[in-house]
Amino acid sequence: MREELRAKIITVCDKKIASKGENVGLSFYAFFANKNDNPELLMEAATWWIHIHKLDHFVKAKTIKQMILDRL
């Protein structure tokens, strides 16, 4: 996964946790605007989320953040 996407995921997870608490869940769509302005990055996130890790639609933000940090 490219560094741009890693940084974006961590930032979004931190913001969601800060605003909604430790148990907030999110989907990979949370890392993108409501328009498809970067389809390649969106597909990379979807592949990581769905194909590689076989995650449910919603996963706790703290879990996703830790998965990213564990891979650094």
C-alpha atoms as a PDB file:
ATOM      1  CA  MET A   1       0.000   0.000   0.000  1.00  0.00           C
ATOM      2  CA  ARG A   2       1.378   3.386  -0.944  1.00  0.00           C
ATOM      3  CA  GLU A   3       2.329   5.882   1.761  1.00  0.00           C
ATOM      4  CA  GLU A   4      -0.301   8.394   0.600  1.00  0.00           C
ATOM      5  CA  LEU A   5      -3.082   5.929   1.384  1.00  0.00           C
ATOM      6  CA  ARG A   6      -1.538   4.819   4.699  1.00  0.00           C
ATOM      7  CA  ALA A   7      -1.324   8.426   5.884  1.00  0.00           C
ATOM      8  CA  LYS A   8      -4.883   9.150   4.766  1.00  0.00           C
ATOM      9  CA  ILE A   9      -6.250   6.096   6.598  1.00  0.00           C
ATOM     10  CA  ILE A  10      -4.470   6.974   9.843  1.00  0.00           C
ATOM     11  CA  THR A  11      -5.641  10.596   9.670  1.00  0.00           C
ATOM     12  CA  VAL A  12      -9.268   9.631   9.025  1.00  0.00           C
ATOM     13  CA  CYS A  13      -9.220   6.998  11.776  1.00  0.00           C
ATOM     14  CA  ASP A  14      -7.790   9.509  14.261  1.00  0.00           C
ATOM     15  CA  LYS A  15     -10.454  12.093  13.377  1.00  0.00           C
ATOM     16  CA  LYS A  16     -13.307   9.579  13.619  1.00  0.00           C
ATOM     17  CA  ILE A  17     -12.063   8.223  16.964  1.00  0.00           C
ATOM     18  CA  ALA A  18     -11.648  11.755  18.350  1.00  0.00           C
ATOM     19  CA  SER A  19     -15.140  12.818  17.288  1.00  0.00           C
ATOM     20  CA  LYS A  20     -17.154   9.624  17.826  1.00  0.00           C
ATOM     21  CA  GLY A  21     -15.199   7.572  20.358  1.00  0.00           C
ATOM     22  CA  GLU A  22     -13.159   4.385  20.482  1.00  0.00           C
ATOM     23  CA  ASN A  23     -15.918   2.139  19.145  1.00  0.00           C
ATOM     24  CA  VAL A  24     -16.630   4.038  15.934  1.00  0.00           C
ATOM     25  CA  GLY A  25     -16.816   1.856  12.842  1.00  0.00           C
ATOM     26  CA  LEU A  26     -16.086   2.840   9.283  1.00  0.00           C
ATOM     27  CA  SER A  27     -15.867   1.428   5.791  1.00  0.00           C
ATOM     28  CA  PHE A  28     -13.121   1.997   3.240  1.00  0.00           C
ATOM     29  CA  TYR A  29     -15.349   4.627   1.630  1.00  0.00           C
ATOM     30  CA  ALA A  30     -14.623   6.854   4.663  1.00  0.00           C
ATOM     31  CA  PHE A  31     -11.202   7.592   3.185  1.00  0.00           C
ATOM     32  CA  PHE A  32     -12.615   9.217   0.048  1.00  0.00           C
ATOM     33  CA  ALA A  33     -14.827  12.139  -0.950  1.00  0.00           C
ATOM     34  CA  ASN A  34     -18.294  11.478  -2.310  1.00  0.00           C
ATOM     35  CA  LYS A  35     -16.914  11.672  -5.814  1.00  0.00           C
ATOM     36  CA  ASN A  36     -14.621   9.289  -7.593  1.00  0.00           C
ATOM     37  CA  ASP A  37     -11.700  11.672  -8.103  1.00  0.00           C
ATOM     38  CA  ASN A  38      -8.965   9.051  -7.634  1.00  0.00           C
ATOM     39  CA  PRO A  39     -10.231   5.654  -8.839  1.00  0.00           C
ATOM     40  CA  GLU A  40      -6.793   4.022  -8.646  1.00  0.00           C
ATOM     41  CA  LEU A  41      -6.404   4.883  -4.947  1.00  0.00           C
ATOM     42  CA  LEU A  42      -9.996   3.840  -4.259  1.00  0.00           C
ATOM     43  CA  MET A  43      -9.375   0.453  -5.863  1.00  0.00           C
ATOM     44  CA  GLU A  44      -6.177   0.041  -3.862  1.00  0.00           C
ATOM     45  CA  ALA A  45      -8.106   0.657  -0.631  1.00  0.00           C
ATOM     46  CA  ALA A  46     -10.926  -1.657  -1.713  1.00  0.00           C
ATOM     47  CA  THR A  47      -8.477  -4.408  -2.639  1.00  0.00           C
ATOM     48  CA  TRP A  48      -6.681  -4.102   0.703  1.00  0.00           C
ATOM     49  CA  TRP A  49      -9.979  -4.071   2.638  1.00  0.00           C
ATOM     50  CA  ILE A  50     -12.036  -6.658   0.737  1.00  0.00           C
ATOM     51  CA  HIS A  51      -9.730  -8.928  -1.215  1.00  0.00           C
ATOM     52  CA  ILE A  52      -6.614  -9.104   0.974  1.00  0.00           C
ATOM     53  CA  HIS A  53      -8.079  -8.859   4.491  1.00  0.00           C
ATOM     54  CA  LYS A  54     -11.673  -9.945   3.814  1.00  0.00           C
ATOM     55  CA  LEU A  55     -13.002  -7.360   6.257  1.00  0.00           C
ATOM     56  CA  ASP A  56     -16.684  -6.714   6.922  1.00  0.00           C
ATOM     57  CA  HIS A  57     -18.274  -3.580   5.518  1.00  0.00           C
ATOM     58  CA  PHE A  58     -17.827  -1.716   8.829  1.00  0.00           C
ATOM     59  CA  VAL A  59     -14.777  -2.230  11.048  1.00  0.00           C
ATOM     60  CA  LYS A  60     -13.704  -0.302  14.125  1.00  0.00           C
ATOM     61  CA  ALA A  61     -11.430   2.603  13.210  1.00  0.00           C
ATOM     62  CA  LYS A  62      -8.976   1.655  15.958  1.00  0.00           C
ATOM     63  CA  THR A  63      -8.649  -1.834  14.402  1.00  0.00           C
ATOM     64  CA  ILE A  64      -7.962  -0.440  10.930  1.00  0.00           C
ATOM     65  CA  LYS A  65      -5.444   2.068  12.285  1.00  0.00           C
ATOM     66  CA  GLN A  66      -3.604  -0.673  14.163  1.00  0.00           C
ATOM     67  CA  MET A  67      -3.527  -2.879  11.062  1.00  0.00           C
ATOM     68  CA  ILE A  68      -1.882  -0.033   9.144  1.00  0.00           C
ATOM     69  CA  LEU A  69       0.602   0.726  11.926  1.00  0.00           C
ATOM     70  CA  ASP A  70       1.528  -2.939  12.248  1.00  0.00           C
ATOM     71  CA  ARG A  71       2.594  -2.954   8.582  1.00  0.00           C
ATOM     72  CA  LEU A  72       4.957   0.020   8.808  1.00  0.00           C
END
